């Protein structure tokens, strides 16, 4: 919800949202925006994305798994939803709620062929010891819909009160002159007071869980890189002059450098036909490998924050960043 503030009278007035048609968008435009910015909109420290919808397949728009092995099924409805949309997300629940670990792992590997598999990725990301039997024991349904669509929101509220694990993630569009604003409400299991920090200091995971090649490439060519949608877009957050720390999972920060401000888009591991433009990177100036890694426990002690280090990239505050930067 956005309010206009009268700085003289100290009054506030709720600004009215607009529909997508008011800004000349169709539903596919909203979906494209969502897909391109999943790295920003999806709480990566709480969910592991396992798939995005493919054309002509009876699949949800998104599916993800949390640290307890629960399956999240997302349906994006940019326009005002109808009852059939709610039934659709439940239909996907019927299909994929019965999927075995092997079924979900096969699907995951289609989207992330370079990973070590779904179970390994989950346990590495969340530092857990889940077993195959614990995957997909429960499902949660998420319908992403327009905040003006009160009928669908009321229907979701009703079924949630009846015991179905369903909720809505609400978006609202506002137009202020020529500027378009998006208000997007995701509901975390645990509120993250640090997610809005953006002071020019980043910790980037070197993707060692996918093999040594990516980390070696970063260290050799003195760059920060991320791969595949939506994670590759995180590199675009690094501006000229920002300080970046390269973090090896299970070891700690192993190198650091300063963003050059130039984004390079290239094929992943040289596979031009298979993985064209799936690597986004930026050169790091004043690049330096550390003589001794800064362990996660030390970072937490310095910052006072219990970070989830398996995220692709996350921001840290300036005070913590400067203290880490001084460590050689």
Protein backbone atom coordinates (compact mmCIF):
# COMPACT_ATOMS: atom_id res chain seq x y z
CA UNK A 1 0.00 0.00 0.00
CA UNK A 2 1.37 3.42 -1.01
CA UNK A 3 0.38 6.72 0.54
CA UNK A 4 0.78 10.28 -0.73
CA UNK A 5 2.16 12.54 2.01
CA UNK A 6 1.30 16.19 2.38
CA UNK A 7 4.46 17.50 4.03
CA UNK A 8 2.73 20.72 5.08
CA UNK A 9 -0.48 19.38 6.64
CA UNK A 10 1.06 16.01 7.65
CA UNK A 11 -1.93 14.23 6.13
CA UNK A 12 -1.66 11.01 4.16
CA UNK A 13 -3.92 9.71 1.44
CA UNK A 14 -3.96 6.19 0.05
CA UNK A 15 -2.95 6.15 -3.60
CA UNK A 16 -5.24 4.15 -5.89
CA UNK A 17 -3.77 1.25 -7.84
CA UNK A 18 -4.27 0.85 -11.58
CA UNK A 19 -4.83 -2.14 -13.81
CA UNK A 20 -2.24 -3.46 -16.25
CA UNK A 21 -4.29 -2.25 -19.19
CA UNK A 22 -3.83 1.31 -17.90
CA UNK A 23 -0.09 1.10 -18.57
CA UNK A 24 -0.49 -0.72 -21.88
CA UNK A 25 0.51 -4.15 -20.60
CA UNK A 26 -0.97 -7.56 -21.27
CA UNK A 27 -0.73 -10.58 -18.98
CA UNK A 28 2.29 -11.93 -20.85
CA UNK A 29 4.14 -8.66 -20.15
CA UNK A 30 3.59 -9.06 -16.42
CA UNK A 31 4.71 -12.69 -16.54
CA UNK A 32 7.87 -11.73 -18.45
CA UNK A 33 8.63 -9.10 -15.81
CA UNK A 34 8.09 -11.68 -13.06
CA UNK A 35 10.34 -14.29 -14.65
CA UNK A 36 13.14 -11.84 -15.32
CA UNK A 37 13.10 -10.57 -11.73
CA UNK A 38 12.59 -13.77 -9.75
CA UNK A 39 15.98 -13.20 -8.16
CA UNK A 40 14.50 -10.08 -6.53
CA UNK A 41 10.91 -11.20 -5.89
CA UNK A 42 11.38 -14.79 -4.71
CA UNK A 43 12.83 -15.14 -1.19
CA UNK A 44 15.90 -17.14 -2.24
CA UNK A 45 17.08 -17.65 1.32
CA UNK A 46 13.87 -19.58 2.07
CA UNK A 47 13.02 -21.34 -1.21
CA UNK A 48 14.89 -23.40 -3.81
CA UNK A 49 13.37 -22.86 -7.25
CA UNK A 50 13.07 -26.20 -9.04
CA UNK A 51 11.24 -25.29 -12.27
CA UNK A 52 9.56 -22.66 -14.42
CA UNK A 53 6.68 -23.41 -16.76
CA UNK A 54 7.41 -24.56 -20.29
CA UNK A 55 5.22 -23.95 -23.32
CA UNK A 56 2.58 -26.58 -24.03
CA UNK A 57 3.22 -28.43 -20.76
CA UNK A 58 0.62 -28.94 -18.02
CA UNK A 59 2.79 -27.36 -15.35
CA UNK A 60 2.54 -24.60 -12.75
CA UNK A 61 4.19 -21.27 -13.50
CA UNK A 62 6.76 -21.95 -10.75
CA UNK A 63 7.57 -24.65 -8.22
CA UNK A 64 9.98 -24.40 -5.30
CA UNK A 65 10.90 -26.34 -2.16
CA UNK A 66 11.62 -25.01 1.32
CA UNK A 67 14.11 -26.22 3.93
CA UNK A 68 11.59 -28.71 5.30
CA UNK A 69 11.04 -30.36 1.91
CA UNK A 70 7.59 -28.81 1.39
CA UNK A 71 6.58 -28.16 -2.22
CA UNK A 72 5.40 -24.64 -3.19
CA UNK A 73 3.20 -24.42 -6.29
CA UNK A 74 2.83 -20.95 -7.84
CA UNK A 75 0.29 -19.71 -10.34
CA UNK A 76 0.70 -16.21 -11.81
CA UNK A 77 -2.51 -14.42 -12.73
CA UNK A 78 -1.86 -10.88 -13.83
CA UNK A 79 -5.45 -10.15 -14.71
CA UNK A 80 -8.33 -10.37 -12.27
CA UNK A 81 -8.54 -14.06 -11.50
CA UNK A 82 -11.54 -16.24 -12.04
CA UNK A 83 -12.66 -19.28 -10.08
CA UNK A 84 -11.04 -21.47 -12.74
CA UNK A 85 -7.64 -19.97 -11.89
CA UNK A 86 -7.98 -21.08 -8.29
CA UNK A 87 -9.02 -24.54 -9.44
CA UNK A 88 -6.00 -24.62 -11.75
CA UNK A 89 -3.45 -24.21 -8.96
CA UNK A 90 -5.26 -26.93 -6.97
CA UNK A 91 -5.19 -29.12 -10.08
CA UNK A 92 -1.42 -28.78 -10.19
CA UNK A 93 -1.38 -29.77 -6.54
CA UNK A 94 -3.24 -32.95 -7.42
CA UNK A 95 -0.70 -33.74 -10.15
CA UNK A 96 2.58 -32.80 -8.48
CA UNK A 97 1.52 -33.41 -4.88
CA UNK A 98 1.72 -37.11 -5.69
CA UNK A 99 5.15 -36.84 -7.29
CA UNK A 100 7.90 -38.95 -5.78
CA UNK A 101 11.35 -37.58 -5.05
CA UNK A 102 12.59 -39.27 -8.23
CA UNK A 103 9.91 -37.46 -10.29
CA UNK A 104 10.80 -34.04 -8.86
CA UNK A 105 14.54 -34.70 -9.18
CA UNK A 106 14.09 -35.62 -12.85
CA UNK A 107 12.19 -32.36 -13.39
CA UNK A 108 14.81 -30.36 -11.48
CA UNK A 109 17.65 -31.78 -13.57
CA UNK A 110 15.86 -30.74 -16.77
CA UNK A 111 16.07 -27.15 -15.63
CA UNK A 112 19.41 -27.37 -13.79
CA UNK A 113 21.42 -30.08 -15.59
CA UNK A 114 24.70 -28.95 -14.08
CA UNK A 115 23.56 -29.46 -10.48
CA UNK A 116 24.32 -32.42 -8.24
CA UNK A 117 20.63 -33.25 -7.97
CA UNK A 118 17.68 -31.92 -6.02
CA UNK A 119 18.45 -33.47 -2.62
CA UNK A 120 22.09 -32.41 -2.69
CA UNK A 121 21.15 -28.86 -3.74
CA UNK A 122 18.56 -28.60 -0.96
CA UNK A 123 20.84 -29.83 1.79
CA UNK A 124 23.75 -27.68 0.63
CA UNK A 125 21.58 -24.58 0.37
CA UNK A 126 19.85 -24.86 3.74
CA UNK A 127 22.53 -26.81 5.63
CA UNK A 128 20.04 -29.60 6.33
CA UNK A 129 20.10 -33.40 6.21
CA UNK A 130 16.82 -34.13 4.45
CA UNK A 131 16.17 -37.58 3.05
CA UNK A 132 14.31 -38.46 -0.14
CA UNK A 133 11.35 -39.61 1.94
CA UNK A 134 10.97 -36.14 3.47
CA UNK A 135 10.57 -34.38 0.13
CA UNK A 136 7.05 -33.31 -0.93
CA UNK A 137 5.19 -34.55 2.13
CA UNK A 138 3.23 -31.29 2.17
CA UNK A 139 2.26 -28.75 -0.50
CA UNK A 140 1.53 -25.02 -0.32
CA UNK A 141 -0.39 -23.21 -3.04
CA UNK A 142 0.44 -19.61 -3.95
CA UNK A 143 -1.73 -17.56 -6.31
CA UNK A 144 -0.05 -14.33 -7.46
CA UNK A 145 -2.82 -11.89 -8.27
CA UNK A 146 -3.78 -8.24 -8.60
CA UNK A 147 -4.52 -6.46 -5.32
CA UNK A 148 -7.66 -5.02 -6.94
CA UNK A 149 -9.02 -8.53 -7.38
CA UNK A 150 -10.95 -8.68 -4.12
CA UNK A 151 -13.12 -11.64 -5.18
CA UNK A 152 -10.19 -14.01 -5.61
CA UNK A 153 -8.56 -12.76 -2.40
CA UNK A 154 -11.80 -13.41 -0.50
CA UNK A 155 -12.08 -16.89 -2.00
CA UNK A 156 -8.50 -17.73 -1.05
CA UNK A 157 -9.16 -16.49 2.49
CA UNK A 158 -12.21 -18.75 2.72
CA UNK A 159 -10.41 -21.90 1.58
CA UNK A 160 -7.42 -21.11 3.79
CA UNK A 161 -9.76 -20.95 6.79
CA UNK A 162 -11.14 -24.36 5.75
CA UNK A 163 -7.68 -25.89 6.15
CA UNK A 164 -6.29 -25.78 2.60
CA UNK A 165 -2.70 -24.50 2.60
CA UNK A 166 -3.26 -21.73 0.08
CA UNK A 167 -2.41 -18.05 0.13
CA UNK A 168 -2.09 -15.08 -2.21
CA UNK A 169 0.93 -12.98 -3.06
CA UNK A 170 -0.44 -9.58 -3.96
CA UNK A 171 0.91 -7.11 -6.50
CA UNK A 172 -0.34 -3.57 -7.08
CA UNK A 173 0.57 -1.19 -9.89
CA UNK A 174 0.67 2.57 -9.30
CA UNK A 175 1.23 5.34 -11.81
CA UNK A 176 2.82 8.59 -10.66
CA UNK A 177 3.17 10.87 -13.66
CA UNK A 178 5.28 8.95 -16.16
CA UNK A 179 6.67 6.66 -13.47
CA UNK A 180 5.26 3.16 -12.90
CA UNK A 181 5.57 1.70 -9.38
CA UNK A 182 5.16 -1.93 -8.33
CA UNK A 183 4.15 -2.91 -4.82
CA UNK A 184 4.68 -6.66 -4.42
CA UNK A 185 3.84 -8.45 -1.18
CA UNK A 186 5.47 -11.81 -0.62
CA UNK A 187 4.96 -13.48 2.71
CA UNK A 188 8.03 -14.95 4.27
CA UNK A 189 7.97 -17.72 6.82
CA UNK A 190 10.49 -15.67 8.76
CA UNK A 191 10.73 -11.90 8.21
CA UNK A 192 14.15 -10.83 6.94
CA UNK A 193 15.09 -7.38 8.29
CA UNK A 194 18.23 -7.33 6.11
CA UNK A 195 16.69 -7.90 2.67
CA UNK A 196 16.42 -4.19 1.81
CA UNK A 197 20.09 -3.41 2.53
CA UNK A 198 21.75 -1.99 -0.58
CA UNK A 199 24.88 -0.10 0.39
CA UNK A 200 27.21 -1.39 -2.32
CA UNK A 201 28.65 -4.48 -0.57
CA UNK A 202 27.88 -7.99 -1.85
CA UNK A 203 28.77 -11.59 -1.02
CA UNK A 204 28.66 -13.80 -4.13
CA UNK A 205 28.63 -17.59 -4.03
CA UNK A 206 31.23 -19.15 -6.38
CA UNK A 207 28.91 -22.06 -7.27
CA UNK A 208 31.43 -24.68 -6.13
CA UNK A 209 28.53 -27.11 -5.61
CA UNK A 210 28.19 -27.24 -9.40
CA UNK A 211 31.85 -28.18 -9.84
CA UNK A 212 35.17 -26.34 -9.64
CA UNK A 213 35.03 -24.86 -13.14
CA UNK A 214 32.95 -21.78 -12.27
CA UNK A 215 35.06 -20.81 -9.27
CA UNK A 216 38.31 -21.35 -11.15
CA UNK A 217 37.00 -19.14 -13.96
CA UNK A 218 36.10 -16.35 -11.52
CA UNK A 219 39.47 -16.46 -9.79
CA UNK A 220 41.49 -16.76 -13.00
CA UNK A 221 39.65 -14.02 -14.87
CA UNK A 222 39.08 -11.85 -11.79
CA UNK A 223 35.34 -11.51 -12.14
CA UNK A 224 32.00 -12.03 -10.40
CA UNK A 225 29.58 -14.29 -12.28
CA UNK A 226 26.17 -15.95 -11.97
CA UNK A 227 24.44 -18.40 -14.23
CA UNK A 228 21.01 -19.14 -15.69
CA UNK A 229 17.67 -17.48 -14.99
CA UNK A 230 16.83 -15.91 -12.64
CA UNK A 231 20.16 -15.90 -10.77
CA UNK A 232 22.28 -14.44 -13.56
CA UNK A 233 20.35 -11.16 -13.28
CA UNK A 234 21.77 -10.61 -9.79
CA UNK A 235 25.03 -9.51 -11.40
CA UNK A 236 23.19 -6.48 -12.77
CA UNK A 237 22.85 -5.24 -9.19
CA UNK A 238 26.63 -4.70 -8.97
CA UNK A 239 27.43 -1.09 -9.85
CA UNK A 240 30.75 0.55 -10.54
CA UNK A 241 32.63 0.94 -7.27
CA UNK A 242 30.66 -1.69 -5.34
CA UNK A 243 32.75 -4.10 -3.27
CA UNK A 244 32.26 -7.80 -3.95
CA UNK A 245 33.40 -10.78 -1.87
CA UNK A 246 33.63 -14.24 -3.48
CA UNK A 247 32.41 -16.94 -1.11
CA UNK A 248 33.17 -20.66 -1.42
CA UNK A 249 30.52 -22.83 0.24
CA UNK A 250 31.83 -24.60 3.31
CA UNK A 251 35.06 -22.56 3.29
CA UNK A 252 34.36 -18.83 3.42
CA UNK A 253 35.31 -15.65 1.56
CA UNK A 254 38.30 -16.45 -0.64
CA UNK A 255 38.68 -13.32 -2.79
CA UNK A 256 37.44 -9.74 -3.20
CA UNK A 257 37.31 -6.99 -5.79
CA UNK A 258 35.56 -3.79 -6.88
CA UNK A 259 32.84 -3.74 -9.51
CA UNK A 260 33.84 -2.29 -12.88
CA UNK A 261 30.30 -1.33 -13.82
CA UNK A 262 30.41 -3.30 -17.08
CA UNK A 263 28.17 -6.36 -17.46
CA UNK A 264 29.33 -9.11 -19.84
CA UNK A 265 26.82 -11.65 -21.18
CA UNK A 266 28.31 -14.85 -22.53
CA UNK A 267 27.64 -18.54 -23.01
CA UNK A 268 27.97 -20.75 -19.95
CA UNK A 269 31.23 -22.75 -20.02
CA UNK A 270 31.62 -21.94 -23.72
CA UNK A 271 28.51 -23.92 -24.75
CA UNK A 272 27.23 -21.36 -27.28
CA UNK A 273 24.46 -23.52 -28.78
CA UNK A 274 23.28 -25.08 -25.53
CA UNK A 275 23.73 -22.27 -22.98
CA UNK A 276 23.99 -19.02 -24.93
CA UNK A 277 23.90 -15.86 -22.77
CA UNK A 278 23.45 -17.94 -19.60
CA UNK A 279 26.44 -16.37 -17.86
CA UNK A 280 26.35 -12.77 -16.63
CA UNK A 281 29.59 -11.44 -15.21
CA UNK A 282 31.42 -8.25 -14.32
CA UNK A 283 35.15 -7.67 -14.07
CA UNK A 284 36.49 -6.91 -10.59
CA UNK A 285 39.24 -4.34 -10.31
CA UNK A 286 41.77 -4.33 -7.46
CA UNK A 287 41.08 -8.06 -7.34
CA UNK A 288 42.77 -10.00 -4.56
CA UNK A 289 42.78 -13.60 -3.37
CA UNK A 290 42.82 -13.80 0.42
CA UNK A 291 45.72 -15.54 2.14
CA UNK A 292 43.25 -17.14 4.53
CA UNK A 293 39.47 -17.60 3.97
CA UNK A 294 37.08 -15.61 6.16
CA UNK A 295 34.83 -18.32 7.56
CA UNK A 296 31.05 -18.04 7.87
CA UNK A 297 31.33 -18.06 11.65
CA UNK A 298 33.70 -15.09 11.53
CA UNK A 299 31.41 -13.18 9.15
CA UNK A 300 28.48 -13.78 11.47
CA UNK A 301 30.54 -12.62 14.44
CA UNK A 302 31.57 -9.41 12.67
CA UNK A 303 28.09 -8.64 11.32
CA UNK A 304 25.88 -10.03 14.08
CA UNK A 305 23.69 -11.49 11.31
CA UNK A 306 22.97 -15.18 10.69
CA UNK A 307 23.26 -15.07 6.89
CA UNK A 308 22.22 -17.91 4.59
CA UNK A 309 25.41 -18.28 2.57
CA UNK A 310 23.99 -20.60 -0.09
CA UNK A 311 22.19 -17.70 -1.75
CA UNK A 312 23.60 -16.76 -5.14
CA UNK A 313 24.35 -13.23 -3.97
CA UNK A 314 23.19 -10.99 -1.14
CA UNK A 315 23.88 -7.51 0.21
CA UNK A 316 25.56 -6.71 3.50
CA UNK A 317 25.67 -3.43 5.37
CA UNK A 318 28.46 -0.89 4.90
CA UNK A 319 29.95 -1.32 8.39
CA UNK A 320 30.29 -5.09 7.97
CA UNK A 321 31.54 -4.68 4.41
CA UNK A 322 34.31 -2.30 5.41
CA UNK A 323 35.44 -4.54 8.26
CA UNK A 324 35.61 -7.54 5.90
CA UNK A 325 37.39 -5.49 3.25
CA UNK A 326 40.25 -4.71 5.64
CA UNK A 327 40.95 -8.42 6.16
CA UNK A 328 43.69 -9.66 3.81
